[in-house]
C-alpha atoms as a PDB file:
ATOM      1  CA  MET A   1      83.137 329.916 111.521  1.00  0.00           C
ATOM      2  CA  LYS A   2      87.120 330.144 110.227  1.00  0.00           C
ATOM      3  CA  LYS A   3      88.994 326.759 111.273  1.00  0.00           C
ATOM      4  CA  ASP A   4      92.122 327.055 113.550  1.00  0.00           C
ATOM      5  CA  ASP A   5      95.084 326.323 111.726  1.00  0.00           C
ATOM      6  CA  LEU A   6      95.250 323.345 114.056  1.00  0.00           C
ATOM      7  CA  GLU A   7      91.986 322.130 112.793  1.00  0.00           C
ATOM      8  CA  TYR A   8      93.843 322.503 109.178  1.00  0.00           C
ATOM      9  CA  VAL A   9      96.788 320.376 110.304  1.00  0.00           C
ATOM     10  CA  LEU A  10      94.544 317.545 112.314  1.00  0.00           C
ATOM     11  CA  ASP A  11      92.081 317.471 109.480  1.00  0.00           C
ATOM     12  CA  SER A  12      94.981 317.192 106.586  1.00  0.00           C
ATOM     13  CA  ALA A  13      96.810 314.433 108.782  1.00  0.00           C
ATOM     14  CA  LYS A  14      93.284 312.569 108.906  1.00  0.00           C
ATOM     15  CA  LYS A  15      92.481 312.805 105.795  1.00  0.00           C
ATOM     16  CA  ARG A  16      96.255 311.271 104.521  1.00  0.00           C
ATOM     17  CA  GLU A  17      94.636 308.611 106.635  1.00  0.00           C
ATOM     18  CA  GLU A  18      91.797 307.790 104.620  1.00  0.00           C
ATOM     19  CA  ILE A  19      93.633 308.007 101.584  1.00  0.00           C
ATOM     20  CA  LEU A  20      95.872 305.151 102.555  1.00  0.00           C
ATOM     21  CA  ILE A  21      93.130 302.871 104.063  1.00  0.00           C
ATOM     22  CA  ASN A  22      90.758 303.881 101.187  1.00  0.00           C
ATOM     23  CA  HIS A  23      93.772 302.950  98.579  1.00  0.00           C
ATOM     24  CA  LYS A  24      93.513 306.349  96.841  1.00  0.00           C
ATOM     25  CA  PRO A  25      95.994 307.662  94.970  1.00  0.00           C
ATOM     26  CA  ILE A  26      99.402 309.067  96.520  1.00  0.00           C
ATOM     27  CA  SER A  27      98.704 312.466  94.753  1.00  0.00           C
ATOM     28  CA  GLN A  28      95.507 312.594  97.091  1.00  0.00           C
ATOM     29  CA  HIS A  29      97.950 311.978 100.074  1.00  0.00           C
ATOM     30  CA  ASN A  30     100.987 314.042  98.854  1.00  0.00           C
ATOM     31  CA  LYS A  31      98.119 316.853  98.461  1.00  0.00           C
ATOM     32  CA  TYR A  32      97.209 316.842 101.735  1.00  0.00           C
ATOM     33  CA  LEU A  33     100.691 316.860 103.216  1.00  0.00           C
ATOM     34  CA  THR A  34     101.021 320.631 101.435  1.00  0.00           C
ATOM     35  CA  ILE A  35      97.769 321.397 102.945  1.00  0.00           C
ATOM     36  CA  MET A  36      99.564 319.776 106.463  1.00  0.00           C
ATOM     37  CA  ARG A  37     102.424 321.459 105.972  1.00  0.00           C
ATOM     38  CA  LYS A  38     101.381 325.151 104.997  1.00  0.00           C
ATOM     39  CA  TYR A  39      99.159 325.163 108.496  1.00  0.00           C
ATOM     40  CA  ALA A  40     102.031 323.878 110.256  1.00  0.00           C
ATOM     41  CA  ARG A  41     104.129 326.694 109.391  1.00  0.00           C
ATOM     42  CA  LYS A  42     101.581 328.916 110.381  1.00  0.00           C
ATOM     43  CA  LEU A  43     101.418 327.422 114.090  1.00  0.00           C
ATOM     44  CA  ILE A  44     104.938 327.177 114.152  1.00  0.00           C
ATOM     45  CA  GLU A  45     105.243 331.013 113.224  1.00  0.00           C
ATOM     46  CA  ASP A  46     102.691 331.424 115.892  1.00  0.00           C
ATOM     47  CA  GLY A  47     104.789 329.846 118.372  1.00  0.00           C
ATOM     48  CA  ARG A  48     102.058 327.449 118.794  1.00  0.00           C
ATOM     49  CA  GLN A  49     103.866 324.123 117.889  1.00  0.00           C
ATOM     50  CA  ASP A  50     102.931 322.662 121.269  1.00  0.00           C
ATOM     51  CA  GLU A  51      99.708 322.464 120.521  1.00  0.00           C
ATOM     52  CA  LEU A  52     100.353 319.797 118.552  1.00  0.00           C
ATOM     53  CA  LEU A  53     102.180 317.568 121.079  1.00  0.00           C
ATOM     54  CA  PRO A  54      99.508 315.718 122.256  1.00  0.00           C
ATOM     55  CA  TYR A  55      98.630 313.975 118.604  1.00  0.00           C
ATOM     56  CA  LEU A  56     102.454 312.193 118.884  1.00  0.00           C
ATOM     57  CA  GLU A  57     100.318 309.400 121.234  1.00  0.00           C
ATOM     58  CA  ASP A  58      97.404 309.748 118.920  1.00  0.00           C
ATOM     59  CA  GLU A  59      96.240 306.110 118.776  1.00  0.00           C
ATOM     60  CA  SER A  60      96.826 306.130 114.705  1.00  0.00           C
ATOM     61  CA  ILE A  61      99.977 305.282 113.629  1.00  0.00           C
ATOM     62  CA  SER A  62      99.908 307.787 110.679  1.00  0.00           C
ATOM     63  CA  ILE A  63      98.494 310.541 112.110  1.00  0.00           C
ATOM     64  CA  ARG A  64     102.043 309.872 114.547  1.00  0.00           C
ATOM     65  CA  ALA A  65     103.925 309.913 111.974  1.00  0.00           C
ATOM     66  CA  ASP A  66     102.905 312.690 110.011  1.00  0.00           C
ATOM     67  CA  ILE A  67     103.051 315.117 113.293  1.00  0.00           C
ATOM     68  CA  ALA A  68     106.217 313.167 114.574  1.00  0.00           C
ATOM     69  CA  CYS A  69     108.001 314.829 111.160  1.00  0.00           C
ATOM     70  CA  LEU A  70     106.133 318.398 111.681  1.00  0.00           C
ATOM     71  CA  LEU A  71     107.914 318.297 115.037  1.00  0.00           C
ATOM     72  CA  PHE A  72     110.769 316.369 114.557  1.00  0.00           C
ATOM     73  CA  HIS A  73     112.827 319.734 114.403  1.00  0.00           C
ATOM     74  CA  PHE A  74     111.437 320.838 118.096  1.00  0.00           C
ATOM     75  CA  TYR A  75     111.616 317.462 119.372  1.00  0.00           C
ATOM     76  CA  PRO A  76     114.216 315.268 117.756  1.00  0.00           C
ATOM     77  CA  ASP A  77     114.435 312.994 120.661  1.00  0.00           C
ATOM     78  CA  LYS A  78     110.556 311.871 121.090  1.00  0.00           C
ATOM     79  CA  CYS A  79     110.125 312.549 117.569  1.00  0.00           C
ATOM     80  CA  THR A  80     113.024 309.773 116.611  1.00  0.00           C
ATOM     81  CA  GLU A  81     111.767 307.311 119.022  1.00  0.00           C
ATOM     82  CA  ILE A  82     108.537 307.572 117.575  1.00  0.00           C
ATOM     83  CA  LEU A  83     109.525 307.409 114.043  1.00  0.00           C
ATOM     84  CA  GLN A  84     112.120 304.375 114.885  1.00  0.00           C
ATOM     85  CA  HIS A  85     109.084 302.635 116.642  1.00  0.00           C
ATOM     86  CA  ILE A  86     107.024 302.862 113.442  1.00  0.00           C
ATOM     87  CA  SER A  87     109.575 302.082 111.355  1.00  0.00           C
ATOM     88  CA  ASN A  88     110.192 298.652 113.263  1.00  0.00           C
ATOM     89  CA  LEU A  89     106.106 297.740 112.644  1.00  0.00           C
ATOM     90  CA  THR A  90     105.771 294.694 110.342  1.00  0.00           C
ATOM     91  CA  ARG A  91     102.327 292.792 109.154  1.00  0.00           C
ATOM     92  CA  ALA A  92     103.399 290.145 111.429  1.00  0.00           C
ATOM     93  CA  ASP A  93     103.133 292.595 114.378  1.00  0.00           C
ATOM     94  CA  GLY A  94      99.422 293.848 113.286  1.00  0.00           C
ATOM     95  CA  LEU A  95     100.565 296.729 110.888  1.00  0.00           C
ATOM     96  CA  PRO A  96      97.638 296.527 108.274  1.00  0.00           C
ATOM     97  CA  GLU A  97      98.824 296.497 104.979  1.00  0.00           C
ATOM     98  CA  TYR A  98      97.780 300.251 104.175  1.00  0.00           C
ATOM     99  CA  PHE A  99      99.733 301.350 106.793  1.00  0.00           C
ATOM    100  CA  SER A 100     102.774 299.531 105.186  1.00  0.00           C
ATOM    101  CA  TRP A 101     103.983 302.658 103.649  1.00  0.00           C
ATOM    102  CA  VAL A 102     103.871 304.385 106.413  1.00  0.00           C
ATOM    103  CA  SER A 103     106.287 302.310 107.900  1.00  0.00           C
ATOM    104  CA  MET A 104     108.351 302.619 104.983  1.00  0.00           C
ATOM    105  CA  ALA A 105     108.355 306.544 105.271  1.00  0.00           C
ATOM    106  CA  ALA A 106     109.559 306.310 109.078  1.00  0.00           C
ATOM    107  CA  HIS A 107     112.533 303.985 108.158  1.00  0.00           C
ATOM    108  CA  ASP A 108     113.223 306.507 105.029  1.00  0.00           C
ATOM    109  CA  ASN A 109     112.798 309.804 107.207  1.00  0.00           C
ATOM    110  CA  LEU A 110     115.444 308.203 109.812  1.00  0.00           C
ATOM    111  CA  LYS A 111     117.594 307.164 107.484  1.00  0.00           C
ATOM    112  CA  TYR A 112     117.819 309.927 105.183  1.00  0.00           C
ATOM    113  CA  GLY A 113     116.832 312.752 107.440  1.00  0.00           C
ATOM    114  CA  ILE A 114     114.266 315.762 107.807  1.00  0.00           C
ATOM    115  CA  PRO A 115     114.557 318.836 105.757  1.00  0.00           C
ATOM    116  CA  LYS A 116     115.802 321.662 107.856  1.00  0.00           C
ATOM    117  CA  ASP A 117     113.177 323.648 106.595  1.00  0.00           C
ATOM    118  CA  PHE A 118     110.435 321.099 107.166  1.00  0.00           C
ATOM    119  CA  PRO A 119     107.591 321.679 107.737  1.00  0.00           C
END
């Protein structure tokens, strides 16, 4: 059975999280970003972006950040709030070292913006 576009997006987000946890190369992390973006675009073209909304509340910081970036132009207030929260997390707050990159990326996305054509 063929995977649905939503499954590809979520699988890619989970792979990106695993890559960070296991300290694998960022090139692998970026590979799954490309895959995640491809299938997120398909969801959006089909008007199915709302199916990603529940994952803005995911327990994983990495998955929340990824989905907030994908949905940013549809739900800017909610996604800004999520990215702001993540960008303020530190190791003192209990942020695992392997998620420091996610916090920094959230900060940069807020500072420099998310491209209009993203995903």
